[in-house]
Amino acid sequence: MTTPQTIDFNADIGEGYGVWAGPNQIWRADLERGGPIDSIDPPTAVERIMRMVSSVNLACGFHAGDPYLIKRYVAAAKAAGCRVGAHPSYPDLAGFGLRFMDMGDDELKAVIQYQMGALDGFLRMEGMTLSHVKCHGALYNRAGQDERIATTLAEAVAEYREGLPLYGLPFSAMEAAAERVGVPFVREAFSDRAYHANGALVDRRRTDAMVLAPEAVVDRVTRMAAEGVVRSIEGDDVRLDPGTICFHADTPPVLAFLAGARDGIAALGMTIGARAA
């Protein structure tokens, strides 16, 4: 494999709701909602994350996020200079979008497009463009396995805007559907999630599902970027060939992960930024 010159780093953000802050919330203790963020306050964790990645996936209100939160995060992403993609889910606020919902194709398509449109409106007000789509939780997992759901997702994206890229699991039903429908597809790898030898993610309920040692994450990320592979829990190398690597904002050592990974990418002679789908 020829080492690419650029790799995209992405993070899921904006996953609070109302007065519930969510992971690495940006507004400190601003429960009154609407008070200004003091410019002399030090950057919060999520602001620092946004300065270290090239793309963010912003919750659109159906598993997390509300209008005020989305608007504030769009402005923060613009200030940080990173691209913003939609992070749609099943309409499951109570379950954080982690539960499968049996929906008809047209209904699911509308649910996805509604969320994309909500975020896109706030982006337009900031003079920004929706850069990509990456599904959340159960919708991401099901679209990676189920041909019908994957096709519905790809069609939803294609109908919304021609040429809008979709992030997803490498060599999955999602990738195959995107190719059939004509949607640009960007293979995604996870910096802190363990993999099986068949390329499936290890179930989050298992104790070995997460990789939390910064040095191990940095080694994984550099191999993903340079060689396109990751070592599975069974000991085999798994081919991923990612165009983007995800860093979860709610993983406690994420800032250490990003700092080390950025150094590792620089040592490879690569840059961090958007990759062509």
C-alpha atoms as a PDB file:
ATOM      1  CA  MET A   1       0.000   0.000   0.000  1.00  0.00           C
ATOM      2  CA  THR A   2       1.252   3.489  -0.875  1.00  0.00           C
ATOM      3  CA  THR A   3       1.179   5.745   2.163  1.00  0.00           C
ATOM      4  CA  PRO A   4      -1.260   8.651   1.594  1.00  0.00           C
ATOM      5  CA  GLN A   5      -0.007  12.171   2.186  1.00  0.00           C
ATOM      6  CA  THR A   6      -3.042  13.288   4.199  1.00  0.00           C
ATOM      7  CA  ILE A   7      -5.286  11.619   6.783  1.00  0.00           C
ATOM      8  CA  ASP A   8      -8.496  13.044   8.231  1.00  0.00           C
ATOM      9  CA  PHE A   9      -8.985  13.023  12.025  1.00  0.00           C
ATOM     10  CA  ASN A  10     -12.630  13.225  13.128  1.00  0.00           C
ATOM     11  CA  ALA A  11     -14.484  13.450  16.456  1.00  0.00           C
ATOM     12  CA  ASP A  12     -18.141  13.061  17.480  1.00  0.00           C
ATOM     13  CA  ILE A  13     -19.247  16.188  19.361  1.00  0.00           C
ATOM     14  CA  GLY A  14     -22.316  18.088  20.561  1.00  0.00           C
ATOM     15  CA  GLU A  15     -23.742  15.084  22.382  1.00  0.00           C
ATOM     16  CA  GLY A  16     -25.451  16.938  25.215  1.00  0.00           C
ATOM     17  CA  TYR A  17     -29.098  17.941  25.537  1.00  0.00           C
ATOM     18  CA  GLY A  18     -30.757  20.830  27.357  1.00  0.00           C
ATOM     19  CA  VAL A  19     -29.075  21.371  30.712  1.00  0.00           C
ATOM     20  CA  TRP A  20     -27.406  17.942  30.511  1.00  0.00           C
ATOM     21  CA  ALA A  21     -23.869  18.769  29.527  1.00  0.00           C
ATOM     22  CA  GLY A  22     -22.851  15.540  27.873  1.00  0.00           C
ATOM     23  CA  PRO A  23     -19.211  14.527  27.334  1.00  0.00           C
ATOM     24  CA  ASN A  24     -16.687  17.372  27.287  1.00  0.00           C
ATOM     25  CA  GLN A  25     -19.412  20.008  27.069  1.00  0.00           C
ATOM     26  CA  ILE A  26     -18.283  23.390  25.819  1.00  0.00           C
ATOM     27  CA  TRP A  27     -20.357  25.775  27.913  1.00  0.00           C
ATOM     28  CA  ARG A  28     -18.979  25.150  31.401  1.00  0.00           C
ATOM     29  CA  ALA A  29     -21.846  25.742  33.884  1.00  0.00           C
ATOM     30  CA  ASP A  30     -24.023  27.845  31.572  1.00  0.00           C
ATOM     31  CA  LEU A  31     -27.367  26.326  32.605  1.00  0.00           C
ATOM     32  CA  GLU A  32     -29.225  29.580  31.864  1.00  0.00           C
ATOM     33  CA  ARG A  33     -28.492  28.903  28.172  1.00  0.00           C
ATOM     34  CA  GLY A  34     -27.767  32.067  26.303  1.00  0.00           C
ATOM     35  CA  GLY A  35     -25.141  33.608  28.549  1.00  0.00           C
ATOM     36  CA  PRO A  36     -21.914  34.469  26.726  1.00  0.00           C
ATOM     37  CA  ILE A  37     -18.818  32.343  27.029  1.00  0.00           C
ATOM     38  CA  ASP A  38     -16.196  34.540  28.679  1.00  0.00           C
ATOM     39  CA  SER A  39     -13.349  35.072  26.232  1.00  0.00           C
ATOM     40  CA  ILE A  40     -10.793  34.950  29.058  1.00  0.00           C
ATOM     41  CA  ASP A  41     -11.846  31.455  30.135  1.00  0.00           C
ATOM     42  CA  PRO A  42      -9.350  28.736  29.220  1.00  0.00           C
ATOM     43  CA  PRO A  43     -10.353  26.428  26.354  1.00  0.00           C
ATOM     44  CA  THR A  44     -12.549  23.522  27.356  1.00  0.00           C
ATOM     45  CA  ALA A  45     -11.655  19.966  26.381  1.00  0.00           C
ATOM     46  CA  VAL A  46     -13.939  19.943  23.356  1.00  0.00           C
ATOM     47  CA  GLU A  47     -12.534  23.237  22.083  1.00  0.00           C
ATOM     48  CA  ARG A  48      -9.055  21.745  22.314  1.00  0.00           C
ATOM     49  CA  ILE A  49     -10.262  18.606  20.530  1.00  0.00           C
ATOM     50  CA  MET A  50     -11.670  20.685  17.680  1.00  0.00           C
ATOM     51  CA  ARG A  51      -8.304  22.386  17.244  1.00  0.00           C
ATOM     52  CA  MET A  52      -6.584  18.997  16.920  1.00  0.00           C
ATOM     53  CA  VAL A  53      -8.887  17.277  14.414  1.00  0.00           C
ATOM     54  CA  SER A  54      -9.805  18.227  10.863  1.00  0.00           C
ATOM     55  CA  SER A  55     -13.484  17.181  10.916  1.00  0.00           C
ATOM     56  CA  VAL A  56     -16.238  16.930  13.510  1.00  0.00           C
ATOM     57  CA  ASN A  57     -19.495  14.990  13.434  1.00  0.00           C
ATOM     58  CA  LEU A  58     -22.178  17.071  15.115  1.00  0.00           C
ATOM     59  CA  ALA A  59     -25.235  15.499  16.765  1.00  0.00           C
ATOM     60  CA  CYS A  60     -28.407  16.729  15.059  1.00  0.00           C
ATOM     61  CA  GLY A  61     -31.040  16.430  17.788  1.00  0.00           C
ATOM     62  CA  PHE A  62     -32.321  12.856  17.565  1.00  0.00           C
ATOM     63  CA  HIS A  63     -29.899  11.104  19.944  1.00  0.00           C
ATOM     64  CA  ALA A  64     -28.424  14.277  21.444  1.00  0.00           C
ATOM     65  CA  GLY A  65     -28.138  17.951  20.631  1.00  0.00           C
ATOM     66  CA  ASP A  66     -30.768  20.681  20.611  1.00  0.00           C
ATOM     67  CA  PRO A  67     -31.091  23.875  18.532  1.00  0.00           C
ATOM     68  CA  TYR A  68     -29.097  26.034  20.938  1.00  0.00           C
ATOM     69  CA  LEU A  69     -26.371  23.428  21.347  1.00  0.00           C
ATOM     70  CA  ILE A  70     -26.066  22.828  17.603  1.00  0.00           C
ATOM     71  CA  LYS A  71     -25.801  26.549  16.882  1.00  0.00           C
ATOM     72  CA  ARG A  72     -23.109  27.086  19.507  1.00  0.00           C
ATOM     73  CA  TYR A  73     -21.074  24.108  18.345  1.00  0.00           C
ATOM     74  CA  VAL A  74     -21.226  25.231  14.715  1.00  0.00           C
ATOM     75  CA  ALA A  75     -19.792  28.591  15.746  1.00  0.00           C
ATOM     76  CA  ALA A  76     -17.104  26.879  17.832  1.00  0.00           C
ATOM     77  CA  ALA A  77     -16.153  24.574  14.954  1.00  0.00           C
ATOM     78  CA  LYS A  78     -15.864  27.548  12.626  1.00  0.00           C
ATOM     79  CA  ALA A  79     -13.565  29.288  15.103  1.00  0.00           C
ATOM     80  CA  ALA A  80     -11.443  26.135  15.363  1.00  0.00           C
ATOM     81  CA  GLY A  81     -11.185  25.837  11.582  1.00  0.00           C
ATOM     82  CA  CYS A  82     -12.568  22.300  11.267  1.00  0.00           C
ATOM     83  CA  ARG A  83     -15.143  20.913   8.873  1.00  0.00           C
ATOM     84  CA  VAL A  84     -18.581  19.929  10.160  1.00  0.00           C
ATOM     85  CA  GLY A  85     -20.492  16.798   9.183  1.00  0.00           C
ATOM     86  CA  ALA A  86     -23.905  15.536  10.256  1.00  0.00           C
ATOM     87  CA  HIS A  87     -24.112  12.782  12.889  1.00  0.00           C
ATOM     88  CA  PRO A  88     -27.690  11.489  12.443  1.00  0.00           C
ATOM     89  CA  SER A  89     -29.259   8.666  14.407  1.00  0.00           C
ATOM     90  CA  TYR A  90     -32.500   6.854  15.002  1.00  0.00           C
ATOM     91  CA  PRO A  91     -35.010   9.131  16.827  1.00  0.00           C
ATOM     92  CA  ASP A  92     -34.007   7.804  20.248  1.00  0.00           C
ATOM     93  CA  LEU A  93     -33.156  10.553  22.739  1.00  0.00           C
ATOM     94  CA  ALA A  94     -33.973   8.331  25.710  1.00  0.00           C
ATOM     95  CA  GLY A  95     -31.576   5.627  24.538  1.00  0.00           C
ATOM     96  CA  PHE A  96     -28.876   7.926  23.112  1.00  0.00           C
ATOM     97  CA  GLY A  97     -29.427   6.403  19.681  1.00  0.00           C
ATOM     98  CA  LEU A  98     -27.991   3.062  20.740  1.00  0.00           C
ATOM     99  CA  ARG A  99     -31.187   1.062  20.144  1.00  0.00           C
ATOM    100  CA  PHE A 100     -32.292  -0.338  16.793  1.00  0.00           C
ATOM    101  CA  MET A 101     -35.642   0.971  15.539  1.00  0.00           C
ATOM    102  CA  ASP A 102     -37.622  -0.941  12.915  1.00  0.00           C
ATOM    103  CA  MET A 103     -38.568   1.780  10.428  1.00  0.00           C
ATOM    104  CA  GLY A 104     -39.818   1.751   6.854  1.00  0.00           C
ATOM    105  CA  ASP A 105     -37.404   2.879   4.160  1.00  0.00           C
ATOM    106  CA  ASP A 106     -39.130   6.182   3.377  1.00  0.00           C
ATOM    107  CA  GLU A 107     -39.548   7.031   7.058  1.00  0.00           C
ATOM    108  CA  LEU A 108     -35.901   6.314   7.846  1.00  0.00           C
ATOM    109  CA  LYS A 109     -34.793   8.319   4.834  1.00  0.00           C
ATOM    110  CA  ALA A 110     -36.835  11.308   6.016  1.00  0.00           C
ATOM    111  CA  VAL A 111     -35.443  10.982   9.559  1.00  0.00           C
ATOM    112  CA  ILE A 112     -31.882  11.119   8.221  1.00  0.00           C
ATOM    113  CA  GLN A 113     -32.559  14.009   5.840  1.00  0.00           C
ATOM    114  CA  TYR A 114     -34.382  16.006   8.526  1.00  0.00           C
ATOM    115  CA  GLN A 115     -31.311  15.893  10.753  1.00  0.00           C
ATOM    116  CA  MET A 116     -28.973  16.818   7.916  1.00  0.00           C
ATOM    117  CA  GLY A 117     -31.172  19.774   7.043  1.00  0.00           C
ATOM    118  CA  ALA A 118     -31.332  21.040  10.624  1.00  0.00           C
ATOM    119  CA  LEU A 119     -27.555  21.165  10.908  1.00  0.00           C
ATOM    120  CA  ASP A 120     -27.131  22.500   7.384  1.00  0.00           C
ATOM    121  CA  GLY A 121     -29.305  25.505   8.207  1.00  0.00           C
ATOM    122  CA  PHE A 122     -27.042  26.574  11.066  1.00  0.00           C
ATOM    123  CA  LEU A 123     -23.964  25.982   8.908  1.00  0.00           C
ATOM    124  CA  ARG A 124     -25.333  28.216   6.156  1.00  0.00           C
ATOM    125  CA  MET A 125     -25.843  31.042   8.652  1.00  0.00           C
ATOM    126  CA  GLU A 126     -22.134  30.815   9.481  1.00  0.00           C
ATOM    127  CA  GLY A 127     -21.162  30.712   5.806  1.00  0.00           C
ATOM    128  CA  MET A 128     -20.165  27.047   6.092  1.00  0.00           C
ATOM    129  CA  THR A 129     -21.023  23.934   4.090  1.00  0.00           C
ATOM    130  CA  LEU A 130     -22.055  20.492   5.333  1.00  0.00           C
ATOM    131  CA  SER A 131     -18.918  18.462   4.651  1.00  0.00           C
ATOM    132  CA  HIS A 132     -20.005  14.834   5.174  1.00  0.00           C
ATOM    133  CA  VAL A 133     -22.403  12.459   6.933  1.00  0.00           C
ATOM    134  CA  LYS A 134     -21.484   9.906   9.601  1.00  0.00           C
ATOM    135  CA  CYS A 135     -24.262   8.000  11.337  1.00  0.00           C
ATOM    136  CA  HIS A 136     -24.384   7.400  15.079  1.00  0.00           C
ATOM    137  CA  GLY A 137     -24.811   4.338  17.256  1.00  0.00           C
ATOM    138  CA  ALA A 138     -27.305   1.694  16.189  1.00  0.00           C
ATOM    139  CA  LEU A 139     -27.883   3.320  12.808  1.00  0.00           C
ATOM    140  CA  TYR A 140     -24.147   3.240  12.041  1.00  0.00           C
ATOM    141  CA  ASN A 141     -23.856  -0.386  13.102  1.00  0.00           C
ATOM    142  CA  ARG A 142     -26.988  -1.591  11.297  1.00  0.00           C
ATOM    143  CA  ALA A 143     -26.119   0.241   8.089  1.00  0.00           C
ATOM    144  CA  GLY A 144     -22.762  -1.505   8.170  1.00  0.00           C
ATOM    145  CA  GLN A 145     -24.462  -4.914   8.169  1.00  0.00           C
ATOM    146  CA  ASP A 146     -27.931  -4.599   6.612  1.00  0.00           C
ATOM    147  CA  GLU A 147     -28.107  -4.034   2.849  1.00  0.00           C
ATOM    148  CA  ARG A 148     -31.589  -2.497   2.959  1.00  0.00           C
ATOM    149  CA  ILE A 149     -30.739   0.006   5.683  1.00  0.00           C
ATOM    150  CA  ALA A 150     -27.412   0.788   4.015  1.00  0.00           C
ATOM    151  CA  THR A 151     -29.158   1.484   0.715  1.00  0.00           C
ATOM    152  CA  THR A 152     -31.738   3.710   2.404  1.00  0.00           C
ATOM    153  CA  LEU A 153     -28.925   5.672   4.049  1.00  0.00           C
ATOM    154  CA  ALA A 154     -26.994   6.066   0.802  1.00  0.00           C
ATOM    155  CA  GLU A 155     -30.121   7.198  -1.044  1.00  0.00           C
ATOM    156  CA  ALA A 156     -30.926   9.712   1.703  1.00  0.00           C
ATOM    157  CA  VAL A 157     -27.474  11.255   1.352  1.00  0.00           C
ATOM    158  CA  ALA A 158     -27.554  11.241  -2.464  1.00  0.00           C
ATOM    159  CA  GLU A 159     -30.982  12.897  -2.557  1.00  0.00           C
ATOM    160  CA  TYR A 160     -29.925  15.575  -0.098  1.00  0.00           C
ATOM    161  CA  ARG A 161     -26.867  16.730  -2.046  1.00  0.00           C
ATOM    162  CA  GLU A 162     -24.967  15.213  -4.922  1.00  0.00           C
ATOM    163  CA  GLY A 163     -21.353  14.434  -4.061  1.00  0.00           C
ATOM    164  CA  LEU A 164     -21.818  14.599  -0.264  1.00  0.00           C
ATOM    165  CA  PRO A 165     -19.426  12.025   1.279  1.00  0.00           C
ATOM    166  CA  LEU A 166     -20.508   9.297   3.683  1.00  0.00           C
ATOM    167  CA  TYR A 167     -18.169   8.064   6.441  1.00  0.00           C
ATOM    168  CA  GLY A 168     -18.500   4.428   7.480  1.00  0.00           C
ATOM    169  CA  LEU A 169     -17.151   0.957   8.169  1.00  0.00           C
ATOM    170  CA  PRO A 170     -14.600  -0.273   5.623  1.00  0.00           C
ATOM    171  CA  PHE A 171     -15.660  -3.024   3.206  1.00  0.00           C
ATOM    172  CA  SER A 172     -19.164  -3.103   4.722  1.00  0.00           C
ATOM    173  CA  ALA A 173     -22.723  -3.129   3.424  1.00  0.00           C
ATOM    174  CA  MET A 174     -22.603   0.643   3.827  1.00  0.00           C
ATOM    175  CA  GLU A 175     -19.625   0.950   1.489  1.00  0.00           C
ATOM    176  CA  ALA A 176     -21.228  -1.365  -1.081  1.00  0.00           C
ATOM    177  CA  ALA A 177     -24.480   0.621  -1.007  1.00  0.00           C
ATOM    178  CA  ALA A 178     -22.638   3.922  -1.385  1.00  0.00           C
ATOM    179  CA  GLU A 179     -20.840   2.560  -4.442  1.00  0.00           C
ATOM    180  CA  ARG A 180     -24.108   1.348  -6.005  1.00  0.00           C
ATOM    181  CA  VAL A 181     -25.903   4.632  -5.398  1.00  0.00           C
ATOM    182  CA  GLY A 182     -22.947   6.813  -6.396  1.00  0.00           C
ATOM    183  CA  VAL A 183     -22.202   8.377  -2.998  1.00  0.00           C
ATOM    184  CA  PRO A 184     -18.540   9.142  -2.227  1.00  0.00           C
ATOM    185  CA  PHE A 185     -17.473   6.861   0.631  1.00  0.00           C
ATOM    186  CA  VAL A 186     -14.709   7.458   3.183  1.00  0.00           C
ATOM    187  CA  ARG A 187     -13.567   4.403   5.145  1.00  0.00           C
ATOM    188  CA  GLU A 188     -13.390   5.115   8.860  1.00  0.00           C
ATOM    189  CA  ALA A 189     -11.150   3.529  11.494  1.00  0.00           C
ATOM    190  CA  PHE A 190     -11.491   3.981  15.263  1.00  0.00           C
ATOM    191  CA  SER A 191      -8.430   4.992  17.233  1.00  0.00           C
ATOM    192  CA  ASP A 192      -9.660   3.599  20.559  1.00  0.00           C
ATOM    193  CA  ARG A 193     -11.963   0.703  19.597  1.00  0.00           C
ATOM    194  CA  ALA A 194     -10.766  -2.907  19.480  1.00  0.00           C
ATOM    195  CA  TYR A 195     -11.347  -4.984  16.342  1.00  0.00           C
ATOM    196  CA  HIS A 196     -11.988  -8.644  15.637  1.00  0.00           C
ATOM    197  CA  ALA A 197     -10.059 -10.456  12.905  1.00  0.00           C
ATOM    198  CA  ASN A 198     -13.085 -10.204  10.586  1.00  0.00           C
ATOM    199  CA  GLY A 199     -13.046  -6.403  10.832  1.00  0.00           C
ATOM    200  CA  ALA A 200     -15.996  -6.143  13.229  1.00  0.00           C
ATOM    201  CA  LEU A 201     -15.742  -3.879  16.248  1.00  0.00           C
ATOM    202  CA  VAL A 202     -15.538  -5.621  19.622  1.00  0.00           C
ATOM    203  CA  ASP A 203     -18.819  -5.277  21.541  1.00  0.00           C
ATOM    204  CA  ARG A 204     -18.680  -2.236  23.856  1.00  0.00           C
ATOM    205  CA  ARG A 205     -19.970  -4.385  26.734  1.00  0.00           C
ATOM    206  CA  ARG A 206     -16.737  -6.380  26.756  1.00  0.00           C
ATOM    207  CA  THR A 207     -13.870  -5.296  28.984  1.00  0.00           C
ATOM    208  CA  ASP A 208     -11.430  -5.405  26.058  1.00  0.00           C
ATOM    209  CA  ALA A 209     -13.571  -3.279  23.743  1.00  0.00           C
ATOM    210  CA  MET A 210     -11.632  -0.065  24.329  1.00  0.00           C
ATOM    211  CA  VAL A 211      -7.941   0.748  23.942  1.00  0.00           C
ATOM    212  CA  LEU A 212      -7.083   3.316  26.613  1.00  0.00           C
ATOM    213  CA  ALA A 213      -3.277   3.385  26.783  1.00  0.00           C
ATOM    214  CA  PRO A 214      -2.076   6.488  24.877  1.00  0.00           C
ATOM    215  CA  GLU A 215       1.042   4.767  23.544  1.00  0.00           C
ATOM    216  CA  ALA A 216      -1.062   1.886  22.180  1.00  0.00           C
ATOM    217  CA  VAL A 217      -3.486   4.283  20.498  1.00  0.00           C
ATOM    218  CA  VAL A 218      -0.651   6.248  18.899  1.00  0.00           C
ATOM    219  CA  ASP A 219       0.879   3.034  17.555  1.00  0.00           C
ATOM    220  CA  ARG A 220      -2.498   1.964  16.150  1.00  0.00           C
ATOM    221  CA  VAL A 221      -3.131   5.317  14.494  1.00  0.00           C
ATOM    222  CA  THR A 222       0.274   5.470  12.821  1.00  0.00           C
ATOM    223  CA  ARG A 223      -0.156   1.935  11.463  1.00  0.00           C
ATOM    224  CA  MET A 224      -3.670   2.744  10.263  1.00  0.00           C
ATOM    225  CA  ALA A 225      -2.386   5.802   8.436  1.00  0.00           C
ATOM    226  CA  ALA A 226       0.860   4.360   7.061  1.00  0.00           C
ATOM    227  CA  GLU A 227      -0.075   0.723   6.420  1.00  0.00           C
ATOM    228  CA  GLY A 228      -3.886   0.739   6.393  1.00  0.00           C
ATOM    229  CA  VAL A 229      -4.129  -2.016   9.025  1.00  0.00           C
ATOM    230  CA  VAL A 230      -4.895  -2.552  12.712  1.00  0.00           C
ATOM    231  CA  ARG A 231      -4.016  -5.494  14.969  1.00  0.00           C
ATOM    232  CA  SER A 232      -7.109  -7.443  16.061  1.00  0.00           C
ATOM    233  CA  ILE A 233      -7.661  -8.910  19.537  1.00  0.00           C
ATOM    234  CA  GLU A 234      -7.035 -12.314  17.944  1.00  0.00           C
ATOM    235  CA  GLY A 235      -3.576 -11.145  16.873  1.00  0.00           C
ATOM    236  CA  ASP A 236      -4.172 -10.742  13.131  1.00  0.00           C
ATOM    237  CA  ASP A 237      -3.719  -7.609  11.039  1.00  0.00           C
ATOM    238  CA  VAL A 238      -7.050  -6.326   9.705  1.00  0.00           C
ATOM    239  CA  ARG A 239      -7.159  -4.334   6.470  1.00  0.00           C
ATOM    240  CA  LEU A 240      -9.025  -1.020   6.896  1.00  0.00           C
ATOM    241  CA  ASP A 241      -7.378   1.436   4.456  1.00  0.00           C
ATOM    242  CA  PRO A 242      -9.004   4.386   6.244  1.00  0.00           C
ATOM    243  CA  GLY A 243      -9.423   7.864   4.879  1.00  0.00           C
ATOM    244  CA  THR A 244     -10.483   9.114   8.308  1.00  0.00           C
ATOM    245  CA  ILE A 245      -9.733   8.098  11.903  1.00  0.00           C
ATOM    246  CA  CYS A 246     -12.209   8.737  14.729  1.00  0.00           C
ATOM    247  CA  PHE A 247     -11.252   9.955  18.208  1.00  0.00           C
ATOM    248  CA  HIS A 248     -14.121   9.712  20.713  1.00  0.00           C
ATOM    249  CA  ALA A 249     -14.486  12.961  22.637  1.00  0.00           C
ATOM    250  CA  ASP A 250     -15.831  11.131  25.702  1.00  0.00           C
ATOM    251  CA  THR A 251     -12.820   8.817  26.074  1.00  0.00           C
ATOM    252  CA  PRO A 252     -10.951  10.315  29.073  1.00  0.00           C
ATOM    253  CA  PRO A 253      -7.410  10.266  27.561  1.00  0.00           C
ATOM    254  CA  VAL A 254      -8.560  11.680  24.191  1.00  0.00           C
ATOM    255  CA  LEU A 255      -6.359  14.775  24.382  1.00  0.00           C
ATOM    256  CA  ALA A 256      -3.302  12.604  25.036  1.00  0.00           C
ATOM    257  CA  PHE A 257      -4.372  10.352  22.150  1.00  0.00           C
ATOM    258  CA  LEU A 258      -4.616  13.298  19.790  1.00  0.00           C
ATOM    259  CA  ALA A 259      -1.376  14.933  20.854  1.00  0.00           C
ATOM    260  CA  GLY A 260       0.570  11.711  20.389  1.00  0.00           C
ATOM    261  CA  ALA A 261      -1.207  10.807  17.150  1.00  0.00           C
ATOM    262  CA  ARG A 262      -0.505  14.214  15.646  1.00  0.00           C
ATOM    263  CA  ASP A 263       3.184  13.794  16.442  1.00  0.00           C
ATOM    264  CA  GLY A 264       3.120  10.293  14.970  1.00  0.00           C
ATOM    265  CA  ILE A 265       1.488  11.487  11.752  1.00  0.00           C
ATOM    266  CA  ALA A 266       4.020  14.304  11.440  1.00  0.00           C
ATOM    267  CA  ALA A 267       6.866  11.805  11.895  1.00  0.00           C
ATOM    268  CA  LEU A 268       5.481   9.885   8.902  1.00  0.00           C
ATOM    269  CA  GLY A 269       5.712  13.030   6.796  1.00  0.00           C
ATOM    270  CA  MET A 270       1.928  13.183   6.533  1.00  0.00           C
ATOM    271  CA  THR A 271      -0.515  15.983   7.259  1.00  0.00           C
ATOM    272  CA  ILE A 272      -3.903  15.975   8.990  1.00  0.00           C
ATOM    273  CA  GLY A 273      -6.756  17.217   6.845  1.00  0.00           C
ATOM    274  CA  ALA A 274      -9.680  16.263   4.680  1.00  0.00           C
ATOM    275  CA  ARG A 275      -9.100  13.398   2.268  1.00  0.00           C
ATOM    276  CA  ALA A 276     -10.858  13.149  -1.082  1.00  0.00           C
ATOM    277  CA  ALA A 277     -13.518  10.420  -1.002  1.00  0.00           C
END
